[in-house]
Amino acid sequence: MKWSTHNQSLVRRGEILLGFDVINNWDIELKETNKDKVGEPFHYPNTFLLLLGYAKVYFHLPYRQTEGITQEDMPNGKFHQSHIILQ
């Protein structure tokens, strides 16, 4: 079994498209969140992180399927879990 292929199929099961309001307000919310912040800036707005949490709970998604949501809906197509810091 090719684990990379299997892993990617599990991630793809979690693909859903998010509402445009989260995506359209991405930069505005990040700018406001990072205003006067010292150190590394936040990379993801709080509404996106909350939406991920709600989707994971509501749809009973395992981690990999939740990751599939992020890979499809990131403005730059890249999601880095190391950048997530809940406020």
PDB file of N, CA and C in Angstrom:
ATOM      1  N   MET A   1       0.842  -1.177   0.000  1.00  0.00           N
ATOM      2  CA  MET A   1       0.000   0.000   0.000  1.00  0.00           C
ATOM      3  C   MET A   1       0.890   1.244   0.000  1.00  0.00           C
ATOM      4  N   LYS A   2       0.564   2.201  -0.854  1.00  0.00           N
ATOM      5  CA  LYS A   2       1.295   3.470  -0.878  1.00  0.00           C
ATOM      6  C   LYS A   2       0.661   4.395   0.147  1.00  0.00           C
ATOM      7  N   TRP A   3       1.374   4.629   1.239  1.00  0.00           N
ATOM      8  CA  TRP A   3       0.823   5.420   2.332  1.00  0.00           C
ATOM      9  C   TRP A   3       0.599   6.865   1.925  1.00  0.00           C
ATOM     10  N   SER A   4       1.436   7.403   1.075  1.00  0.00           N
ATOM     11  CA  SER A   4       1.234   8.800   0.668  1.00  0.00           C
ATOM     12  C   SER A   4      -0.074   8.944  -0.109  1.00  0.00           C
ATOM     13  N   THR A   5      -0.379   7.986  -0.969  1.00  0.00           N
ATOM     14  CA  THR A   5      -1.629   8.003  -1.725  1.00  0.00           C
ATOM     15  C   THR A   5      -2.820   7.815  -0.803  1.00  0.00           C
ATOM     16  N   HIS A   6      -2.701   6.869   0.137  1.00  0.00           N
ATOM     17  CA  HIS A   6      -3.773   6.614   1.099  1.00  0.00           C
ATOM     18  C   HIS A   6      -4.017   7.857   1.957  1.00  0.00           C
ATOM     19  N   ASN A   7      -2.950   8.474   2.450  1.00  0.00           N
ATOM     20  CA  ASN A   7      -3.078   9.672   3.273  1.00  0.00           C
ATOM     21  C   ASN A   7      -3.773  10.787   2.487  1.00  0.00           C
ATOM     22  N   GLN A   8      -3.367  10.992   1.245  1.00  0.00           N
ATOM     23  CA  GLN A   8      -3.978  12.043   0.432  1.00  0.00           C
ATOM     24  C   GLN A   8      -5.454  11.769   0.182  1.00  0.00           C
ATOM     25  N   SER A   9      -5.841  10.509   0.027  1.00  0.00           N
ATOM     26  CA  SER A   9      -7.261  10.197  -0.168  1.00  0.00           C
ATOM     27  C   SER A   9      -8.062  10.521   1.091  1.00  0.00           C
ATOM     28  N   LEU A  10      -7.464  10.295   2.261  1.00  0.00           N
ATOM     29  CA  LEU A  10      -8.147  10.647   3.505  1.00  0.00           C
ATOM     30  C   LEU A  10      -8.298  12.154   3.648  1.00  0.00           C
ATOM     31  N   VAL A  11      -7.274  12.890   3.274  1.00  0.00           N
ATOM     32  CA  VAL A  11      -7.336  14.346   3.339  1.00  0.00           C
ATOM     33  C   VAL A  11      -8.401  14.864   2.382  1.00  0.00           C
ATOM     34  N   ARG A  12      -8.465  14.316   1.172  1.00  0.00           N
ATOM     35  CA  ARG A  12      -9.434  14.779   0.177  1.00  0.00           C
ATOM     36  C   ARG A  12     -10.870  14.543   0.615  1.00  0.00           C
ATOM     37  N   ARG A  13     -11.122  13.555   1.461  1.00  0.00           N
ATOM     38  CA  ARG A  13     -12.476  13.321   1.966  1.00  0.00           C
ATOM     39  C   ARG A  13     -12.979  14.509   2.761  1.00  0.00           C
ATOM     40  N   GLY A  14     -12.072  15.290   3.302  1.00  0.00           N
ATOM     41  CA  GLY A  14     -12.458  16.434   4.106  1.00  0.00           C
ATOM     42  C   GLY A  14     -12.639  17.712   3.324  1.00  0.00           C
ATOM     43  N   GLU A  15     -12.514  17.654   2.009  1.00  0.00           N
ATOM     44  CA  GLU A  15     -12.615  18.862   1.217  1.00  0.00           C
ATOM     45  C   GLU A  15     -14.056  19.356   1.142  1.00  0.00           C
ATOM     46  N   ILE A  16     -14.261  20.551   1.615  1.00  0.00           N
ATOM     47  CA  ILE A  16     -15.519  21.262   1.419  1.00  0.00           C
ATOM     48  C   ILE A  16     -15.138  22.713   1.155  1.00  0.00           C
ATOM     49  N   LEU A  17     -16.008  23.430   0.526  1.00  0.00           N
ATOM     50  CA  LEU A  17     -15.714  24.825   0.232  1.00  0.00           C
ATOM     51  C   LEU A  17     -16.339  25.713   1.294  1.00  0.00           C
ATOM     52  N   LEU A  18     -15.600  26.720   1.696  1.00  0.00           N
ATOM     53  CA  LEU A  18     -16.070  27.627   2.727  1.00  0.00           C
ATOM     54  C   LEU A  18     -16.791  28.807   2.101  1.00  0.00           C
ATOM     55  N   GLY A  19     -17.589  29.472   2.925  1.00  0.00           N
ATOM     56  CA  GLY A  19     -18.256  30.677   2.461  1.00  0.00           C
ATOM     57  C   GLY A  19     -17.250  31.753   2.117  1.00  0.00           C
ATOM     58  N   PHE A  20     -17.603  32.592   1.174  1.00  0.00           N
ATOM     59  CA  PHE A  20     -16.678  33.620   0.709  1.00  0.00           C
ATOM     60  C   PHE A  20     -16.409  34.693   1.757  1.00  0.00           C
ATOM     61  N   ASP A  21     -17.292  34.864   2.740  1.00  0.00           N
ATOM     62  CA  ASP A  21     -17.071  35.906   3.731  1.00  0.00           C
ATOM     63  C   ASP A  21     -15.797  35.665   4.527  1.00  0.00           C
ATOM     64  N   VAL A  22     -15.498  34.421   4.847  1.00  0.00           N
ATOM     65  CA  VAL A  22     -14.256  34.111   5.570  1.00  0.00           C
ATOM     66  C   VAL A  22     -13.054  34.437   4.693  1.00  0.00           C
ATOM     67  N   ILE A  23     -13.118  34.051   3.446  1.00  0.00           N
ATOM     68  CA  ILE A  23     -12.008  34.287   2.519  1.00  0.00           C
ATOM     69  C   ILE A  23     -11.895  35.776   2.177  1.00  0.00           C
ATOM     70  N   ASN A  24     -13.024  36.420   1.912  1.00  0.00           N
ATOM     71  CA  ASN A  24     -12.991  37.830   1.520  1.00  0.00           C
ATOM     72  C   ASN A  24     -12.500  38.743   2.634  1.00  0.00           C
ATOM     73  N   ASN A  25     -12.758  38.389   3.881  1.00  0.00           N
ATOM     74  CA  ASN A  25     -12.353  39.220   5.021  1.00  0.00           C
ATOM     75  C   ASN A  25     -11.016  38.793   5.614  1.00  0.00           C
ATOM     76  N   TRP A  26     -10.370  37.838   4.991  1.00  0.00           N
ATOM     77  CA  TRP A  26      -9.121  37.264   5.502  1.00  0.00           C
ATOM     78  C   TRP A  26      -8.089  38.345   5.824  1.00  0.00           C
ATOM     79  N   ASP A  27      -7.733  39.148   4.833  1.00  0.00           N
ATOM     80  CA  ASP A  27      -6.688  40.167   5.005  1.00  0.00           C
ATOM     81  C   ASP A  27      -7.105  41.256   5.991  1.00  0.00           C
ATOM     82  N   ILE A  28      -8.360  41.658   5.927  1.00  0.00           N
ATOM     83  CA  ILE A  28      -8.856  42.694   6.837  1.00  0.00           C
ATOM     84  C   ILE A  28      -8.762  42.227   8.282  1.00  0.00           C
ATOM     85  N   GLU A  29      -9.228  41.015   8.550  1.00  0.00           N
ATOM     86  CA  GLU A  29      -9.192  40.491   9.915  1.00  0.00           C
ATOM     87  C   GLU A  29      -7.759  40.288  10.403  1.00  0.00           C
ATOM     88  N   LEU A  30      -6.901  39.776   9.534  1.00  0.00           N
ATOM     89  CA  LEU A  30      -5.500  39.588   9.931  1.00  0.00           C
ATOM     90  C   LEU A  30      -4.814  40.919  10.240  1.00  0.00           C
ATOM     91  N   LYS A  31      -5.095  41.919   9.426  1.00  0.00           N
ATOM     92  CA  LYS A  31      -4.491  43.232   9.663  1.00  0.00           C
ATOM     93  C   LYS A  31      -4.919  43.769  11.022  1.00  0.00           C
ATOM     94  N   GLU A  32      -6.193  43.616  11.347  1.00  0.00           N
ATOM     95  CA  GLU A  32      -6.698  44.088  12.633  1.00  0.00           C
ATOM     96  C   GLU A  32      -6.118  43.271  13.791  1.00  0.00           C
ATOM     97  N   THR A  33      -6.026  41.973  13.639  1.00  0.00           N
ATOM     98  CA  THR A  33      -5.487  41.102  14.684  1.00  0.00           C
ATOM     99  C   THR A  33      -4.011  41.383  14.939  1.00  0.00           C
ATOM    100  N   ASN A  34      -3.268  41.667  13.891  1.00  0.00           N
ATOM    101  CA  ASN A  34      -1.831  41.892  14.018  1.00  0.00           C
ATOM    102  C   ASN A  34      -1.457  43.337  14.355  1.00  0.00           C
ATOM    103  N   LYS A  35      -2.459  44.213  14.405  1.00  0.00           N
ATOM    104  CA  LYS A  35      -2.198  45.613  14.721  1.00  0.00           C
ATOM    105  C   LYS A  35      -1.583  45.715  16.123  1.00  0.00           C
ATOM    106  N   ASP A  36      -0.463  46.385  16.216  1.00  0.00           N
ATOM    107  CA  ASP A  36       0.267  46.591  17.470  1.00  0.00           C
ATOM    108  C   ASP A  36       0.769  45.292  18.103  1.00  0.00           C
ATOM    109  N   LYS A  37       0.805  44.205  17.352  1.00  0.00           N
ATOM    110  CA  LYS A  37       1.304  42.929  17.880  1.00  0.00           C
ATOM    111  C   LYS A  37       2.829  42.933  17.842  1.00  0.00           C
ATOM    112  N   VAL A  38       3.428  42.421  18.888  1.00  0.00           N
ATOM    113  CA  VAL A  38       4.879  42.291  18.953  1.00  0.00           C
ATOM    114  C   VAL A  38       5.247  40.848  18.632  1.00  0.00           C
ATOM    115  N   GLY A  39       6.279  40.643  17.831  1.00  0.00           N
ATOM    116  CA  GLY A  39       6.727  39.292  17.497  1.00  0.00           C
ATOM    117  C   GLY A  39       6.094  38.781  16.215  1.00  0.00           C
ATOM    118  N   GLU A  40       6.125  37.472  16.066  1.00  0.00           N
ATOM    119  CA  GLU A  40       5.606  36.793  14.869  1.00  0.00           C
ATOM    120  C   GLU A  40       4.130  37.141  14.662  1.00  0.00           C
ATOM    121  N   PRO A  41       3.762  37.573  13.474  1.00  0.00           N
ATOM    122  CA  PRO A  41       2.357  37.904  13.226  1.00  0.00           C
ATOM    123  C   PRO A  41       1.501  36.639  13.103  1.00  0.00           C
ATOM    124  N   PHE A  42       0.223  36.818  13.370  1.00  0.00           N
ATOM    125  CA  PHE A  42      -0.712  35.718  13.153  1.00  0.00           C
ATOM    126  C   PHE A  42      -0.862  35.515  11.654  1.00  0.00           C
ATOM    127  N   HIS A  43      -1.034  34.274  11.238  1.00  0.00           N
ATOM    128  CA  HIS A  43      -1.142  33.948   9.816  1.00  0.00           C
ATOM    129  C   HIS A  43      -2.562  33.593   9.404  1.00  0.00           C
ATOM    130  N   TYR A  44      -3.411  33.240  10.372  1.00  0.00           N
ATOM    131  CA  TYR A  44      -4.781  32.824  10.089  1.00  0.00           C
ATOM    132  C   TYR A  44      -5.747  33.598  10.965  1.00  0.00           C
ATOM    133  N   PRO A  45      -6.836  34.097  10.395  1.00  0.00           N
ATOM    134  CA  PRO A  45      -7.805  34.839  11.191  1.00  0.00           C
ATOM    135  C   PRO A  45      -8.584  33.908  12.132  1.00  0.00           C
ATOM    136  N   ASN A  46      -9.048  34.482  13.228  1.00  0.00           N
ATOM    137  CA  ASN A  46      -9.785  33.692  14.222  1.00  0.00           C
ATOM    138  C   ASN A  46     -11.052  33.071  13.652  1.00  0.00           C
ATOM    139  N   THR A  47     -11.754  33.783  12.766  1.00  0.00           N
ATOM    140  CA  THR A  47     -12.983  33.225  12.217  1.00  0.00           C
ATOM    141  C   THR A  47     -12.709  31.945  11.426  1.00  0.00           C
ATOM    142  N   PHE A  48     -11.575  31.886  10.748  1.00  0.00           N
ATOM    143  CA  PHE A  48     -11.220  30.672  10.006  1.00  0.00           C
ATOM    144  C   PHE A  48     -10.946  29.508  10.960  1.00  0.00           C
ATOM    145  N   LEU A  49     -10.208  29.783  12.038  1.00  0.00           N
ATOM    146  CA  LEU A  49      -9.906  28.730  13.008  1.00  0.00           C
ATOM    147  C   LEU A  49     -11.171  28.241  13.714  1.00  0.00           C
ATOM    148  N   LEU A  50     -12.060  29.166  14.036  1.00  0.00           N
ATOM    149  CA  LEU A  50     -13.335  28.763  14.635  1.00  0.00           C
ATOM    150  C   LEU A  50     -14.154  27.921  13.662  1.00  0.00           C
ATOM    151  N   LEU A  51     -14.180  28.337  12.403  1.00  0.00           N
ATOM    152  CA  LEU A  51     -14.915  27.585  11.397  1.00  0.00           C
ATOM    153  C   LEU A  51     -14.368  26.167  11.252  1.00  0.00           C
ATOM    154  N   LEU A  52     -13.049  26.030  11.283  1.00  0.00           N
ATOM    155  CA  LEU A  52     -12.444  24.691  11.220  1.00  0.00           C
ATOM    156  C   LEU A  52     -12.886  23.836  12.416  1.00  0.00           C
ATOM    157  N   GLY A  53     -12.854  24.451  13.589  1.00  0.00           N
ATOM    158  CA  GLY A  53     -13.271  23.720  14.780  1.00  0.00           C
ATOM    159  C   GLY A  53     -14.726  23.289  14.707  1.00  0.00           C
ATOM    160  N   TYR A  54     -15.591  24.195  14.269  1.00  0.00           N
ATOM    161  CA  TYR A  54     -17.012  23.860  14.138  1.00  0.00           C
ATOM    162  C   TYR A  54     -17.226  22.755  13.102  1.00  0.00           C
ATOM    163  N   ALA A  55     -16.539  22.856  11.968  1.00  0.00           N
ATOM    164  CA  ALA A  55     -16.677  21.832  10.925  1.00  0.00           C
ATOM    165  C   ALA A  55     -16.201  20.478  11.434  1.00  0.00           C
ATOM    166  N   LYS A  56     -15.095  20.462  12.165  1.00  0.00           N
ATOM    167  CA  LYS A  56     -14.556  19.206  12.692  1.00  0.00           C
ATOM    168  C   LYS A  56     -15.551  18.543  13.635  1.00  0.00           C
ATOM    169  N   VAL A  57     -16.143  19.350  14.524  1.00  0.00           N
ATOM    170  CA  VAL A  57     -17.095  18.814  15.501  1.00  0.00           C
ATOM    171  C   VAL A  57     -18.411  18.433  14.831  1.00  0.00           C
ATOM    172  N   TYR A  58     -18.963  19.322  14.026  1.00  0.00           N
ATOM    173  CA  TYR A  58     -20.273  19.094  13.415  1.00  0.00           C
ATOM    174  C   TYR A  58     -20.285  17.881  12.486  1.00  0.00           C
ATOM    175  N   PHE A  59     -19.244  17.764  11.671  1.00  0.00           N
ATOM    176  CA  PHE A  59     -19.179  16.666  10.711  1.00  0.00           C
ATOM    177  C   PHE A  59     -18.427  15.450  11.246  1.00  0.00           C
ATOM    178  N   HIS A  60     -17.991  15.515  12.512  1.00  0.00           N
ATOM    179  CA  HIS A  60     -17.250  14.415  13.137  1.00  0.00           C
ATOM    180  C   HIS A  60     -16.034  14.025  12.293  1.00  0.00           C
ATOM    181  N   LEU A  61     -15.275  15.035  11.881  1.00  0.00           N
ATOM    182  CA  LEU A  61     -14.140  14.808  10.999  1.00  0.00           C
ATOM    183  C   LEU A  61     -12.886  14.449  11.781  1.00  0.00           C
ATOM    184  N   PRO A  62     -12.175  13.435  11.337  1.00  0.00           N
ATOM    185  CA  PRO A  62     -10.839  13.190  11.887  1.00  0.00           C
ATOM    186  C   PRO A  62      -9.898  14.296  11.427  1.00  0.00           C
ATOM    187  N   TYR A  63      -8.724  14.298  11.986  1.00  0.00           N
ATOM    188  CA  TYR A  63      -7.741  15.339  11.697  1.00  0.00           C
ATOM    189  C   TYR A  63      -7.451  15.469  10.205  1.00  0.00           C
ATOM    190  N   ARG A  64      -7.219  14.374   9.513  1.00  0.00           N
ATOM    191  CA  ARG A  64      -6.816  14.444   8.101  1.00  0.00           C
ATOM    192  C   ARG A  64      -7.904  15.054   7.224  1.00  0.00           C
ATOM    193  N   GLN A  65      -9.164  14.745   7.516  1.00  0.00           N
ATOM    194  CA  GLN A  65     -10.240  15.332   6.733  1.00  0.00           C
ATOM    195  C   GLN A  65     -10.361  16.827   7.027  1.00  0.00           C
ATOM    196  N   THR A  66     -10.118  17.213   8.269  1.00  0.00           N
ATOM    197  CA  THR A  66     -10.112  18.633   8.610  1.00  0.00           C
ATOM    198  C   THR A  66      -8.971  19.329   7.876  1.00  0.00           C
ATOM    199  N   GLU A  67      -7.847  18.663   7.764  1.00  0.00           N
ATOM    200  CA  GLU A  67      -6.718  19.197   7.004  1.00  0.00           C
ATOM    201  C   GLU A  67      -7.102  19.397   5.539  1.00  0.00           C
ATOM    202  N   GLY A  68      -7.947  18.509   5.008  1.00  0.00           N
ATOM    203  CA  GLY A  68      -8.406  18.637   3.622  1.00  0.00           C
ATOM    204  C   GLY A  68      -9.170  19.924   3.396  1.00  0.00           C
ATOM    205  N   ILE A  69      -9.934  20.371   4.397  1.00  0.00           N
ATOM    206  CA  ILE A  69     -10.647  21.643   4.288  1.00  0.00           C
ATOM    207  C   ILE A  69      -9.641  22.771   4.125  1.00  0.00           C
ATOM    208  N   THR A  70      -8.607  22.745   4.929  1.00  0.00           N
ATOM    209  CA  THR A  70      -7.632  23.830   4.901  1.00  0.00           C
ATOM    210  C   THR A  70      -6.866  23.872   3.593  1.00  0.00           C
ATOM    211  N   GLN A  71      -6.540  22.723   3.052  1.00  0.00           N
ATOM    212  CA  GLN A  71      -5.756  22.701   1.814  1.00  0.00           C
ATOM    213  C   GLN A  71      -6.549  23.254   0.641  1.00  0.00           C
ATOM    214  N   GLU A  72      -7.857  23.084   0.647  1.00  0.00           N
ATOM    215  CA  GLU A  72      -8.677  23.567  -0.459  1.00  0.00           C
ATOM    216  C   GLU A  72      -9.018  25.041  -0.332  1.00  0.00           C
ATOM    217  N   ASP A  73      -9.051  25.562   0.877  1.00  0.00           N
ATOM    218  CA  ASP A  73      -9.592  26.901   1.079  1.00  0.00           C
ATOM    219  C   ASP A  73      -8.589  27.960   1.503  1.00  0.00           C
ATOM    220  N   MET A  74      -7.333  27.641   1.548  1.00  0.00           N
ATOM    221  CA  MET A  74      -6.327  28.641   1.895  1.00  0.00           C
ATOM    222  C   MET A  74      -6.165  29.618   0.730  1.00  0.00           C
ATOM    223  N   PRO A  75      -6.073  30.915   1.016  1.00  0.00           N
ATOM    224  CA  PRO A  75      -5.866  31.883  -0.074  1.00  0.00           C
ATOM    225  C   PRO A  75      -4.609  31.595  -0.887  1.00  0.00           C
ATOM    226  N   ASN A  76      -3.547  31.143  -0.241  1.00  0.00           N
ATOM    227  CA  ASN A  76      -2.321  30.848  -0.978  1.00  0.00           C
ATOM    228  C   ASN A  76      -2.153  29.355  -1.235  1.00  0.00           C
ATOM    229  N   GLY A  77      -3.154  28.560  -0.853  1.00  0.00           N
ATOM    230  CA  GLY A  77      -3.104  27.121  -1.094  1.00  0.00           C
ATOM    231  C   GLY A  77      -2.222  26.356  -0.133  1.00  0.00           C
ATOM    232  N   LYS A  78      -1.676  27.032   0.880  1.00  0.00           N
ATOM    233  CA  LYS A  78      -0.786  26.363   1.824  1.00  0.00           C
ATOM    234  C   LYS A  78      -1.254  26.603   3.252  1.00  0.00           C
ATOM    235  N   PHE A  79      -1.268  25.550   4.011  1.00  0.00           N
ATOM    236  CA  PHE A  79      -1.683  25.623   5.407  1.00  0.00           C
ATOM    237  C   PHE A  79      -0.561  25.072   6.267  1.00  0.00           C
ATOM    238  N   HIS A  80      -0.133  25.842   7.228  1.00  0.00           N
ATOM    239  CA  HIS A  80       0.943  25.419   8.112  1.00  0.00           C
ATOM    240  C   HIS A  80       0.409  25.354   9.534  1.00  0.00           C
ATOM    241  N   GLN A  81       0.267  24.131  10.044  1.00  0.00           N
ATOM    242  CA  GLN A  81      -0.273  23.951  11.388  1.00  0.00           C
ATOM    243  C   GLN A  81       0.597  24.646  12.435  1.00  0.00           C
ATOM    244  N   SER A  82       1.880  24.809  12.169  1.00  0.00           N
ATOM    245  CA  SER A  82       2.767  25.438  13.139  1.00  0.00           C
ATOM    246  C   SER A  82       2.429  26.909  13.349  1.00  0.00           C
ATOM    247  N   HIS A  83       1.656  27.509  12.447  1.00  0.00           N
ATOM    248  CA  HIS A  83       1.307  28.918  12.565  1.00  0.00           C
ATOM    249  C   HIS A  83       0.024  29.140  13.365  1.00  0.00           C
ATOM    250  N   ILE A  84      -0.646  28.073  13.761  1.00  0.00           N
ATOM    251  CA  ILE A  84      -1.907  28.235  14.480  1.00  0.00           C
ATOM    252  C   ILE A  84      -1.631  28.518  15.950  1.00  0.00           C
ATOM    253  N   ILE A  85      -2.120  29.663  16.387  1.00  0.00           N
ATOM    254  CA  ILE A  85      -2.065  30.025  17.803  1.00  0.00           C
ATOM    255  C   ILE A  85      -3.426  30.622  18.134  1.00  0.00           C
ATOM    256  N   LEU A  86      -4.188  29.964  18.960  1.00  0.00           N
ATOM    257  CA  LEU A  86      -5.485  30.493  19.344  1.00  0.00           C
ATOM    258  C   LEU A  86      -5.300  31.611  20.343  1.00  0.00           C
ATOM    259  N   GLN A  87      -6.047  32.662  20.175  1.00  0.00           N
ATOM    260  CA  GLN A  87      -5.934  33.808  21.066  1.00  0.00           C
ATOM    261  C   GLN A  87      -6.841  33.651  22.254  1.00  0.00           C
TER     262      GLN A  87
END
